[in-house]
Amino acid sequence: MATFDSVWRRIEACSGQVFHTKTGVPFSYAVRHGQVHLNNTKRIIPRSDFVKAHALMPLNGPGRISNLVQGSAYVFGVLTDRRIGP
Protein backbone atom coordinates (compact mmCIF):
# COMPACT_ATOMS: atom_id res chain seq x y z
CA MET A 1 0.00 0.00 0.00
CA ALA A 2 1.19 3.50 -0.79
CA THR A 3 2.30 5.78 2.01
CA PHE A 4 -0.30 8.32 2.96
CA ASP A 5 1.93 11.25 1.95
CA SER A 6 1.99 9.96 -1.64
CA VAL A 7 -1.79 9.44 -1.53
CA TRP A 8 -2.28 12.99 -0.24
CA ARG A 9 -0.14 14.38 -3.07
CA ARG A 10 -2.40 12.59 -5.56
CA ILE A 11 -5.49 13.95 -3.78
CA GLU A 12 -4.05 17.45 -4.12
CA ALA A 13 -3.12 16.89 -7.77
CA CYS A 14 -6.68 15.77 -8.61
CA SER A 15 -8.31 18.83 -7.05
CA GLY A 16 -11.13 20.06 -9.31
CA GLN A 17 -11.62 16.74 -11.10
CA VAL A 18 -14.91 14.84 -10.91
CA PHE A 19 -15.14 11.85 -8.58
CA HIS A 20 -18.10 9.63 -7.69
CA THR A 21 -19.45 8.17 -4.49
CA LYS A 22 -20.10 4.42 -4.39
CA THR A 23 -23.72 5.13 -5.37
CA GLY A 24 -22.62 7.21 -8.36
CA VAL A 25 -23.15 10.74 -7.07
CA PRO A 26 -20.64 13.03 -8.83
CA PHE A 27 -18.60 15.54 -6.83
CA SER A 28 -15.42 17.55 -7.00
CA TYR A 29 -13.29 19.24 -4.40
CA ALA A 30 -10.56 21.77 -3.75
CA VAL A 31 -7.70 21.23 -1.33
CA ARG A 32 -6.92 24.23 0.87
CA HIS A 33 -4.88 24.37 4.08
CA GLY A 34 -4.79 20.59 4.51
CA GLN A 35 -8.53 20.21 4.06
CA VAL A 36 -10.75 18.91 1.28
CA HIS A 37 -13.52 21.41 0.48
CA LEU A 38 -16.34 19.67 -1.37
CA ASN A 39 -17.82 21.70 -4.21
CA ASN A 40 -21.31 20.20 -4.06
CA THR A 41 -21.83 20.67 -0.31
CA LYS A 42 -20.54 22.96 2.40
CA ARG A 43 -18.68 20.04 3.95
CA ILE A 44 -14.97 20.37 4.70
CA ILE A 45 -13.06 17.17 5.40
CA PRO A 46 -9.73 17.40 7.23
CA ARG A 47 -6.65 15.52 6.01
CA SER A 48 -6.70 13.57 9.28
CA ASP A 49 -9.98 11.91 8.26
CA PHE A 50 -8.37 10.66 5.06
CA VAL A 51 -5.45 9.35 7.15
CA LYS A 52 -7.86 7.39 9.38
CA ALA A 53 -9.71 5.87 6.43
CA HIS A 54 -6.52 5.09 4.51
CA ALA A 55 -5.23 3.09 7.48
CA LEU A 56 -8.24 0.76 7.11
CA MET A 57 -7.87 0.16 3.38
CA PRO A 58 -9.00 -1.84 1.53
CA LEU A 59 -12.63 -0.94 2.20
CA ASN A 60 -15.74 -2.40 0.56
CA GLY A 61 -17.86 0.67 1.20
CA PRO A 62 -18.18 3.84 3.26
CA GLY A 63 -20.17 2.15 6.04
CA ARG A 64 -17.06 0.90 7.82
CA ILE A 65 -15.73 4.44 8.23
CA SER A 66 -19.00 6.33 8.72
CA ASN A 67 -18.49 6.64 12.47
CA LEU A 68 -14.80 7.59 12.12
CA VAL A 69 -14.74 10.34 9.52
CA GLN A 70 -16.83 13.19 8.16
CA GLY A 71 -18.32 12.67 4.72
CA SER A 72 -17.52 8.97 4.59
CA ALA A 73 -19.10 8.55 1.14
CA TYR A 74 -16.78 11.22 -0.25
CA VAL A 75 -13.69 9.97 1.55
CA PHE A 76 -14.41 6.47 0.24
CA GLY A 77 -15.01 7.80 -3.27
CA VAL A 78 -11.67 9.60 -3.32
CA LEU A 79 -9.55 6.90 -1.71
CA THR A 80 -10.88 4.08 -3.90
CA ASP A 81 -10.66 5.99 -7.17
CA ARG A 82 -8.03 4.61 -9.58
CA ARG A 83 -6.36 8.06 -9.73
CA ILE A 84 -5.70 8.06 -5.98
CA GLY A 85 -5.33 4.55 -4.57
CA PRO A 86 -4.01 2.15 -3.62
PDB file of N, CA and C in Angstrom:
ATOM      1  N   MET A   1       0.846  -1.180   0.000  1.00  0.00           N
ATOM      2  CA  MET A   1       0.000   0.000   0.000  1.00  0.00           C
ATOM      3  C   MET A   1       0.892   1.244   0.000  1.00  0.00           C
ATOM      4  N   ALA A   2       0.437   2.255  -0.702  1.00  0.00           N
ATOM      5  CA  ALA A   2       1.188   3.503  -0.787  1.00  0.00           C
ATOM      6  C   ALA A   2       1.217   4.207   0.561  1.00  0.00           C
ATOM      7  N   THR A   3       2.265   4.973   0.792  1.00  0.00           N
ATOM      8  CA  THR A   3       2.304   5.776   2.013  1.00  0.00           C
ATOM      9  C   THR A   3       1.238   6.860   1.899  1.00  0.00           C
ATOM     10  N   PHE A   4       0.752   7.324   3.048  1.00  0.00           N
ATOM     11  CA  PHE A   4      -0.303   8.321   2.963  1.00  0.00           C
ATOM     12  C   PHE A   4       0.190   9.623   2.347  1.00  0.00           C
ATOM     13  N   ASP A   5       1.431  10.000   2.559  1.00  0.00           N
ATOM     14  CA  ASP A   5       1.930  11.246   1.954  1.00  0.00           C
ATOM     15  C   ASP A   5       1.821  11.206   0.436  1.00  0.00           C
ATOM     16  N   SER A   6       2.109  10.058  -0.174  1.00  0.00           N
ATOM     17  CA  SER A   6       1.990   9.965  -1.636  1.00  0.00           C
ATOM     18  C   SER A   6       0.518   9.988  -2.046  1.00  0.00           C
ATOM     19  N   VAL A   7      -0.354   9.383  -1.249  1.00  0.00           N
ATOM     20  CA  VAL A   7      -1.794   9.437  -1.525  1.00  0.00           C
ATOM     21  C   VAL A   7      -2.279  10.881  -1.440  1.00  0.00           C
ATOM     22  N   TRP A   8      -1.850  11.597  -0.411  1.00  0.00           N
ATOM     23  CA  TRP A   8      -2.284  12.989  -0.244  1.00  0.00           C
ATOM     24  C   TRP A   8      -1.808  13.849  -1.411  1.00  0.00           C
ATOM     25  N   ARG A   9      -0.625  13.620  -1.901  1.00  0.00           N
ATOM     26  CA  ARG A   9      -0.138  14.376  -3.066  1.00  0.00           C
ATOM     27  C   ARG A   9      -1.032  14.127  -4.281  1.00  0.00           C
ATOM     28  N   ARG A  10      -1.492  12.890  -4.457  1.00  0.00           N
ATOM     29  CA  ARG A  10      -2.403  12.588  -5.564  1.00  0.00           C
ATOM     30  C   ARG A  10      -3.760  13.248  -5.347  1.00  0.00           C
ATOM     31  N   ILE A  11      -4.232  13.260  -4.096  1.00  0.00           N
ATOM     32  CA  ILE A  11      -5.494  13.948  -3.782  1.00  0.00           C
ATOM     33  C   ILE A  11      -5.369  15.428  -4.146  1.00  0.00           C
ATOM     34  N   GLU A  12      -4.275  16.045  -3.769  1.00  0.00           N
ATOM     35  CA  GLU A  12      -4.049  17.453  -4.116  1.00  0.00           C
ATOM     36  C   GLU A  12      -3.988  17.653  -5.625  1.00  0.00           C
ATOM     37  N   ALA A  13      -3.291  16.758  -6.323  1.00  0.00           N
ATOM     38  CA  ALA A  13      -3.123  16.888  -7.775  1.00  0.00           C
ATOM     39  C   ALA A  13      -4.446  16.735  -8.528  1.00  0.00           C
ATOM     40  N   CYS A  14      -5.397  16.012  -7.940  1.00  0.00           N
ATOM     41  CA  CYS A  14      -6.683  15.774  -8.612  1.00  0.00           C
ATOM     42  C   CYS A  14      -7.761  16.777  -8.205  1.00  0.00           C
ATOM     43  N   SER A  15      -7.374  17.787  -7.467  1.00  0.00           N
ATOM     44  CA  SER A  15      -8.308  18.832  -7.055  1.00  0.00           C
ATOM     45  C   SER A  15      -9.015  19.397  -8.284  1.00  0.00           C
ATOM     46  N   GLY A  16     -10.335  19.518  -8.210  1.00  0.00           N
ATOM     47  CA  GLY A  16     -11.127  20.065  -9.310  1.00  0.00           C
ATOM     48  C   GLY A  16     -11.655  19.021 -10.282  1.00  0.00           C
ATOM     49  N   GLN A  17     -11.134  17.803 -10.221  1.00  0.00           N
ATOM     50  CA  GLN A  17     -11.618  16.739 -11.099  1.00  0.00           C
ATOM     51  C   GLN A  17     -12.885  16.114 -10.514  1.00  0.00           C
ATOM     52  N   VAL A  18     -13.661  15.459 -11.357  1.00  0.00           N
ATOM     53  CA  VAL A  18     -14.907  14.837 -10.914  1.00  0.00           C
ATOM     54  C   VAL A  18     -14.638  13.430 -10.394  1.00  0.00           C
ATOM     55  N   PHE A  19     -15.179  13.157  -9.225  1.00  0.00           N
ATOM     56  CA  PHE A  19     -15.137  11.848  -8.576  1.00  0.00           C
ATOM     57  C   PHE A  19     -16.576  11.393  -8.383  1.00  0.00           C
ATOM     58  N   HIS A  20     -16.759  10.159  -7.935  1.00  0.00           N
ATOM     59  CA  HIS A  20     -18.097   9.628  -7.686  1.00  0.00           C
ATOM     60  C   HIS A  20     -18.124   8.864  -6.370  1.00  0.00           C
ATOM     61  N   THR A  21     -19.244   8.992  -5.664  1.00  0.00           N
ATOM     62  CA  THR A  21     -19.449   8.166  -4.488  1.00  0.00           C
ATOM     63  C   THR A  21     -19.745   6.748  -4.958  1.00  0.00           C
ATOM     64  N   LYS A  22     -19.810   5.807  -4.034  1.00  0.00           N
ATOM     65  CA  LYS A  22     -20.095   4.417  -4.390  1.00  0.00           C
ATOM     66  C   LYS A  22     -21.442   4.297  -5.098  1.00  0.00           C
ATOM     67  N   THR A  23     -22.384   5.167  -4.754  1.00  0.00           N
ATOM     68  CA  THR A  23     -23.715   5.129  -5.374  1.00  0.00           C
ATOM     69  C   THR A  23     -23.796   5.944  -6.661  1.00  0.00           C
ATOM     70  N   GLY A  24     -22.664   6.515  -7.087  1.00  0.00           N
ATOM     71  CA  GLY A  24     -22.621   7.211  -8.364  1.00  0.00           C
ATOM     72  C   GLY A  24     -22.851   8.711  -8.335  1.00  0.00           C
ATOM     73  N   VAL A  25     -22.951   9.296  -7.165  1.00  0.00           N
ATOM     74  CA  VAL A  25     -23.152  10.744  -7.067  1.00  0.00           C
ATOM     75  C   VAL A  25     -21.845  11.446  -7.434  1.00  0.00           C
ATOM     76  N   PRO A  26     -21.863  12.330  -8.447  1.00  0.00           N
ATOM     77  CA  PRO A  26     -20.640  13.032  -8.829  1.00  0.00           C
ATOM     78  C   PRO A  26     -20.324  14.177  -7.863  1.00  0.00           C
ATOM     79  N   PHE A  27     -19.036  14.411  -7.660  1.00  0.00           N
ATOM     80  CA  PHE A  27     -18.600  15.536  -6.829  1.00  0.00           C
ATOM     81  C   PHE A  27     -17.182  15.916  -7.225  1.00  0.00           C
ATOM     82  N   SER A  28     -16.801  17.106  -6.850  1.00  0.00           N
ATOM     83  CA  SER A  28     -15.417  17.549  -7.004  1.00  0.00           C
ATOM     84  C   SER A  28     -15.039  18.273  -5.723  1.00  0.00           C
ATOM     85  N   TYR A  29     -13.777  18.621  -5.631  1.00  0.00           N
ATOM     86  CA  TYR A  29     -13.288  19.237  -4.401  1.00  0.00           C
ATOM     87  C   TYR A  29     -12.101  20.138  -4.701  1.00  0.00           C
ATOM     88  N   ALA A  30     -11.782  20.958  -3.726  1.00  0.00           N
ATOM     89  CA  ALA A  30     -10.564  21.769  -3.750  1.00  0.00           C
ATOM     90  C   ALA A  30      -9.820  21.487  -2.451  1.00  0.00           C
ATOM     91  N   VAL A  31      -8.510  21.442  -2.524  1.00  0.00           N
ATOM     92  CA  VAL A  31      -7.699  21.232  -1.325  1.00  0.00           C
ATOM     93  C   VAL A  31      -7.118  22.580  -0.908  1.00  0.00           C
ATOM     94  N   ARG A  32      -7.437  22.973   0.326  1.00  0.00           N
ATOM     95  CA  ARG A  32      -6.921  24.225   0.871  1.00  0.00           C
ATOM     96  C   ARG A  32      -6.549  24.012   2.331  1.00  0.00           C
ATOM     97  N   HIS A  33      -5.337  24.397   2.685  1.00  0.00           N
ATOM     98  CA  HIS A  33      -4.882  24.368   4.083  1.00  0.00           C
ATOM     99  C   HIS A  33      -5.047  22.984   4.712  1.00  0.00           C
ATOM    100  N   GLY A  34      -4.713  21.932   3.970  1.00  0.00           N
ATOM    101  CA  GLY A  34      -4.786  20.590   4.512  1.00  0.00           C
ATOM    102  C   GLY A  34      -6.192  20.064   4.695  1.00  0.00           C
ATOM    103  N   GLN A  35      -7.142  20.637   3.964  1.00  0.00           N
ATOM    104  CA  GLN A  35      -8.526  20.207   4.063  1.00  0.00           C
ATOM    105  C   GLN A  35      -9.104  20.046   2.659  1.00  0.00           C
ATOM    106  N   VAL A  36     -10.042  19.115   2.536  1.00  0.00           N
ATOM    107  CA  VAL A  36     -10.753  18.915   1.283  1.00  0.00           C
ATOM    108  C   VAL A  36     -12.090  19.644   1.389  1.00  0.00           C
ATOM    109  N   HIS A  37     -12.284  20.620   0.518  1.00  0.00           N
ATOM    110  CA  HIS A  37     -13.517  21.410   0.484  1.00  0.00           C
ATOM    111  C   HIS A  37     -14.365  20.880  -0.669  1.00  0.00           C
ATOM    112  N   LEU A  38     -15.478  20.230  -0.338  1.00  0.00           N
ATOM    113  CA  LEU A  38     -16.337  19.666  -1.369  1.00  0.00           C
ATOM    114  C   LEU A  38     -17.074  20.778  -2.097  1.00  0.00           C
ATOM    115  N   ASN A  39     -17.176  20.658  -3.404  1.00  0.00           N
ATOM    116  CA  ASN A  39     -17.815  21.698  -4.206  1.00  0.00           C
ATOM    117  C   ASN A  39     -19.329  21.551  -4.291  1.00  0.00           C
ATOM    118  N   ASN A  40     -19.869  20.383  -3.965  1.00  0.00           N
ATOM    119  CA  ASN A  40     -21.313  20.199  -4.062  1.00  0.00           C
ATOM    120  C   ASN A  40     -22.026  20.317  -2.715  1.00  0.00           C
ATOM    121  N   THR A  41     -21.269  20.471  -1.646  1.00  0.00           N
ATOM    122  CA  THR A  41     -21.833  20.667  -0.310  1.00  0.00           C
ATOM    123  C   THR A  41     -20.965  21.700   0.408  1.00  0.00           C
ATOM    124  N   LYS A  42     -21.357  22.047   1.593  1.00  0.00           N
ATOM    125  CA  LYS A  42     -20.540  22.958   2.399  1.00  0.00           C
ATOM    126  C   LYS A  42     -19.579  22.195   3.296  1.00  0.00           C
ATOM    127  N   ARG A  43     -19.507  20.897   3.094  1.00  0.00           N
ATOM    128  CA  ARG A  43     -18.676  20.038   3.947  1.00  0.00           C
ATOM    129  C   ARG A  43     -17.194  20.263   3.678  1.00  0.00           C
ATOM    130  N   ILE A  44     -16.429  20.282   4.763  1.00  0.00           N
ATOM    131  CA  ILE A  44     -14.974  20.370   4.702  1.00  0.00           C
ATOM    132  C   ILE A  44     -14.438  19.158   5.465  1.00  0.00           C
ATOM    133  N   ILE A  45     -13.586  18.396   4.794  1.00  0.00           N
ATOM    134  CA  ILE A  45     -13.059  17.170   5.398  1.00  0.00           C
ATOM    135  C   ILE A  45     -11.570  17.355   5.663  1.00  0.00           C
ATOM    136  N   PRO A  46     -11.146  17.215   6.914  1.00  0.00           N
ATOM    137  CA  PRO A  46      -9.726  17.400   7.230  1.00  0.00           C
ATOM    138  C   PRO A  46      -8.858  16.241   6.723  1.00  0.00           C
ATOM    139  N   ARG A  47      -7.619  16.533   6.455  1.00  0.00           N
ATOM    140  CA  ARG A  47      -6.653  15.524   6.015  1.00  0.00           C
ATOM    141  C   ARG A  47      -6.631  14.350   6.985  1.00  0.00           C
ATOM    142  N   SER A  48      -6.762  14.626   8.269  1.00  0.00           N
ATOM    143  CA  SER A  48      -6.705  13.570   9.280  1.00  0.00           C
ATOM    144  C   SER A  48      -7.788  12.514   9.082  1.00  0.00           C
ATOM    145  N   ASP A  49      -8.939  12.898   8.530  1.00  0.00           N
ATOM    146  CA  ASP A  49      -9.984  11.912   8.262  1.00  0.00           C
ATOM    147  C   ASP A  49      -9.572  10.979   7.126  1.00  0.00           C
ATOM    148  N   PHE A  50      -8.870  11.503   6.137  1.00  0.00           N
ATOM    149  CA  PHE A  50      -8.367  10.659   5.061  1.00  0.00           C
ATOM    150  C   PHE A  50      -7.283   9.713   5.594  1.00  0.00           C
ATOM    151  N   VAL A  51      -6.472  10.195   6.529  1.00  0.00           N
ATOM    152  CA  VAL A  51      -5.446   9.355   7.151  1.00  0.00           C
ATOM    153  C   VAL A  51      -6.111   8.174   7.858  1.00  0.00           C
ATOM    154  N   LYS A  52      -7.156   8.439   8.648  1.00  0.00           N
ATOM    155  CA  LYS A  52      -7.863   7.386   9.380  1.00  0.00           C
ATOM    156  C   LYS A  52      -8.425   6.337   8.427  1.00  0.00           C
ATOM    157  N   ALA A  53      -9.090   6.795   7.377  1.00  0.00           N
ATOM    158  CA  ALA A  53      -9.707   5.871   6.427  1.00  0.00           C
ATOM    159  C   ALA A  53      -8.652   5.090   5.653  1.00  0.00           C
ATOM    160  N   HIS A  54      -7.586   5.756   5.271  1.00  0.00           N
ATOM    161  CA  HIS A  54      -6.520   5.095   4.510  1.00  0.00           C
ATOM    162  C   HIS A  54      -5.906   3.957   5.315  1.00  0.00           C
ATOM    163  N   ALA A  55      -5.809   4.120   6.621  1.00  0.00           N
ATOM    164  CA  ALA A  55      -5.233   3.089   7.481  1.00  0.00           C
ATOM    165  C   ALA A  55      -6.080   1.809   7.494  1.00  0.00           C
ATOM    166  N   LEU A  56      -7.340   1.914   7.111  1.00  0.00           N
ATOM    167  CA  LEU A  56      -8.243   0.763   7.109  1.00  0.00           C
ATOM    168  C   LEU A  56      -8.414   0.135   5.726  1.00  0.00           C
ATOM    169  N   MET A  57      -7.732   0.677   4.737  1.00  0.00           N
ATOM    170  CA  MET A  57      -7.869   0.157   3.376  1.00  0.00           C
ATOM    171  C   MET A  57      -7.342  -1.264   3.302  1.00  0.00           C
ATOM    172  N   PRO A  58      -7.919  -2.132   2.481  1.00  0.00           N
ATOM    173  CA  PRO A  58      -8.996  -1.843   1.532  1.00  0.00           C
ATOM    174  C   PRO A  58     -10.369  -1.855   2.223  1.00  0.00           C
ATOM    175  N   LEU A  59     -11.261  -1.041   1.695  1.00  0.00           N
ATOM    176  CA  LEU A  59     -12.628  -0.936   2.202  1.00  0.00           C
ATOM    177  C   LEU A  59     -13.600  -1.383   1.105  1.00  0.00           C
ATOM    178  N   ASN A  60     -14.711  -1.993   1.519  1.00  0.00           N
ATOM    179  CA  ASN A  60     -15.743  -2.396   0.560  1.00  0.00           C
ATOM    180  C   ASN A  60     -16.778  -1.313   0.345  1.00  0.00           C
ATOM    181  N   GLY A  61     -16.877  -0.392   1.288  1.00  0.00           N
ATOM    182  CA  GLY A  61     -17.857   0.674   1.200  1.00  0.00           C
ATOM    183  C   GLY A  61     -17.646   1.674   2.317  1.00  0.00           C
ATOM    184  N   PRO A  62     -18.369   2.785   2.270  1.00  0.00           N
ATOM    185  CA  PRO A  62     -18.181   3.839   3.262  1.00  0.00           C
ATOM    186  C   PRO A  62     -18.749   3.520   4.641  1.00  0.00           C
ATOM    187  N   GLY A  63     -19.552   2.475   4.751  1.00  0.00           N
ATOM    188  CA  GLY A  63     -20.166   2.151   6.042  1.00  0.00           C
ATOM    189  C   GLY A  63     -19.168   1.866   7.140  1.00  0.00           C
ATOM    190  N   ARG A  64     -18.061   1.255   6.801  1.00  0.00           N
ATOM    191  CA  ARG A  64     -17.058   0.899   7.816  1.00  0.00           C
ATOM    192  C   ARG A  64     -16.385   2.127   8.432  1.00  0.00           C
ATOM    193  N   ILE A  65     -16.387   3.230   7.721  1.00  0.00           N
ATOM    194  CA  ILE A  65     -15.727   4.436   8.229  1.00  0.00           C
ATOM    195  C   ILE A  65     -16.706   5.543   8.607  1.00  0.00           C
ATOM    196  N   SER A  66     -18.008   5.272   8.498  1.00  0.00           N
ATOM    197  CA  SER A  66     -19.000   6.332   8.725  1.00  0.00           C
ATOM    198  C   SER A  66     -18.979   6.905  10.128  1.00  0.00           C
ATOM    199  N   ASN A  67     -18.556   6.117  11.101  1.00  0.00           N
ATOM    200  CA  ASN A  67     -18.491   6.636  12.474  1.00  0.00           C
ATOM    201  C   ASN A  67     -17.104   7.185  12.820  1.00  0.00           C
ATOM    202  N   LEU A  68     -16.176   7.123  11.876  1.00  0.00           N
ATOM    203  CA  LEU A  68     -14.803   7.590  12.125  1.00  0.00           C
ATOM    204  C   LEU A  68     -14.456   8.904  11.445  1.00  0.00           C
ATOM    205  N   VAL A  69     -15.115   9.178  10.319  1.00  0.00           N
ATOM    206  CA  VAL A  69     -14.738  10.343   9.518  1.00  0.00           C
ATOM    207  C   VAL A  69     -15.976  11.115   9.074  1.00  0.00           C
ATOM    208  N   GLN A  70     -15.773  12.374   8.745  1.00  0.00           N
ATOM    209  CA  GLN A  70     -16.826  13.192   8.161  1.00  0.00           C
ATOM    210  C   GLN A  70     -16.940  12.862   6.677  1.00  0.00           C
ATOM    211  N   GLY A  71     -18.148  12.864   6.150  1.00  0.00           N
ATOM    212  CA  GLY A  71     -18.318  12.669   4.720  1.00  0.00           C
ATOM    213  C   GLY A  71     -17.761  11.348   4.230  1.00  0.00           C
ATOM    214  N   SER A  72     -18.112  10.271   4.916  1.00  0.00           N
ATOM    215  CA  SER A  72     -17.523   8.967   4.592  1.00  0.00           C
ATOM    216  C   SER A  72     -17.729   8.563   3.136  1.00  0.00           C
ATOM    217  N   ALA A  73     -18.862   8.903   2.543  1.00  0.00           N
ATOM    218  CA  ALA A  73     -19.102   8.547   1.141  1.00  0.00           C
ATOM    219  C   ALA A  73     -18.099   9.231   0.225  1.00  0.00           C
ATOM    220  N   TYR A  74     -17.738  10.465   0.554  1.00  0.00           N
ATOM    221  CA  TYR A  74     -16.781  11.223  -0.254  1.00  0.00           C
ATOM    222  C   TYR A  74     -15.353  10.735  -0.021  1.00  0.00           C
ATOM    223  N   VAL A  75     -15.018  10.489   1.225  1.00  0.00           N
ATOM    224  CA  VAL A  75     -13.686   9.967   1.553  1.00  0.00           C
ATOM    225  C   VAL A  75     -13.480   8.632   0.841  1.00  0.00           C
ATOM    226  N   PHE A  76     -14.487   7.753   0.916  1.00  0.00           N
ATOM    227  CA  PHE A  76     -14.408   6.465   0.241  1.00  0.00           C
ATOM    228  C   PHE A  76     -14.270   6.657  -1.267  1.00  0.00           C
ATOM    229  N   GLY A  77     -15.068   7.548  -1.828  1.00  0.00           N
ATOM    230  CA  GLY A  77     -15.013   7.799  -3.267  1.00  0.00           C
ATOM    231  C   GLY A  77     -13.652   8.263  -3.737  1.00  0.00           C
ATOM    232  N   VAL A  78     -13.001   9.102  -2.962  1.00  0.00           N
ATOM    233  CA  VAL A  78     -11.674   9.601  -3.319  1.00  0.00           C
ATOM    234  C   VAL A  78     -10.627   8.495  -3.159  1.00  0.00           C
ATOM    235  N   LEU A  79     -10.601   7.865  -2.001  1.00  0.00           N
ATOM    236  CA  LEU A  79      -9.545   6.896  -1.713  1.00  0.00           C
ATOM    237  C   LEU A  79      -9.596   5.643  -2.587  1.00  0.00           C
ATOM    238  N   THR A  80     -10.757   5.286  -3.077  1.00  0.00           N
ATOM    239  CA  THR A  80     -10.879   4.081  -3.895  1.00  0.00           C
ATOM    240  C   THR A  80     -10.832   4.375  -5.390  1.00  0.00           C
ATOM    241  N   ASP A  81     -10.748   5.631  -5.761  1.00  0.00           N
ATOM    242  CA  ASP A  81     -10.657   5.995  -7.174  1.00  0.00           C
ATOM    243  C   ASP A  81      -9.291   5.567  -7.733  1.00  0.00           C
ATOM    244  N   ARG A  82      -9.280   5.100  -8.955  1.00  0.00           N
ATOM    245  CA  ARG A  82      -8.031   4.611  -9.580  1.00  0.00           C
ATOM    246  C   ARG A  82      -6.963   5.699  -9.668  1.00  0.00           C
ATOM    247  N   ARG A  83      -7.354   6.974  -9.666  1.00  0.00           N
ATOM    248  CA  ARG A  83      -6.364   8.063  -9.730  1.00  0.00           C
ATOM    249  C   ARG A  83      -5.647   8.273  -8.403  1.00  0.00           C
ATOM    250  N   ILE A  84      -6.240   7.804  -7.325  1.00  0.00           N
ATOM    251  CA  ILE A  84      -5.703   8.058  -5.981  1.00  0.00           C
ATOM    252  C   ILE A  84      -5.085   6.812  -5.355  1.00  0.00           C
ATOM    253  N   GLY A  85      -5.802   5.720  -5.300  1.00  0.00           N
ATOM    254  CA  GLY A  85      -5.329   4.553  -4.570  1.00  0.00           C
ATOM    255  C   GLY A  85      -4.966   3.427  -5.498  1.00  0.00           C
ATOM    256  N   PRO A  86      -4.466   2.382  -4.990  1.00  0.00           N
ATOM    257  CA  PRO A  86      -4.013   2.155  -3.620  1.00  0.00           C
ATOM    258  C   PRO A  86      -2.637   2.665  -3.384  1.00  0.00           C
TER     259      PRO A  86
END
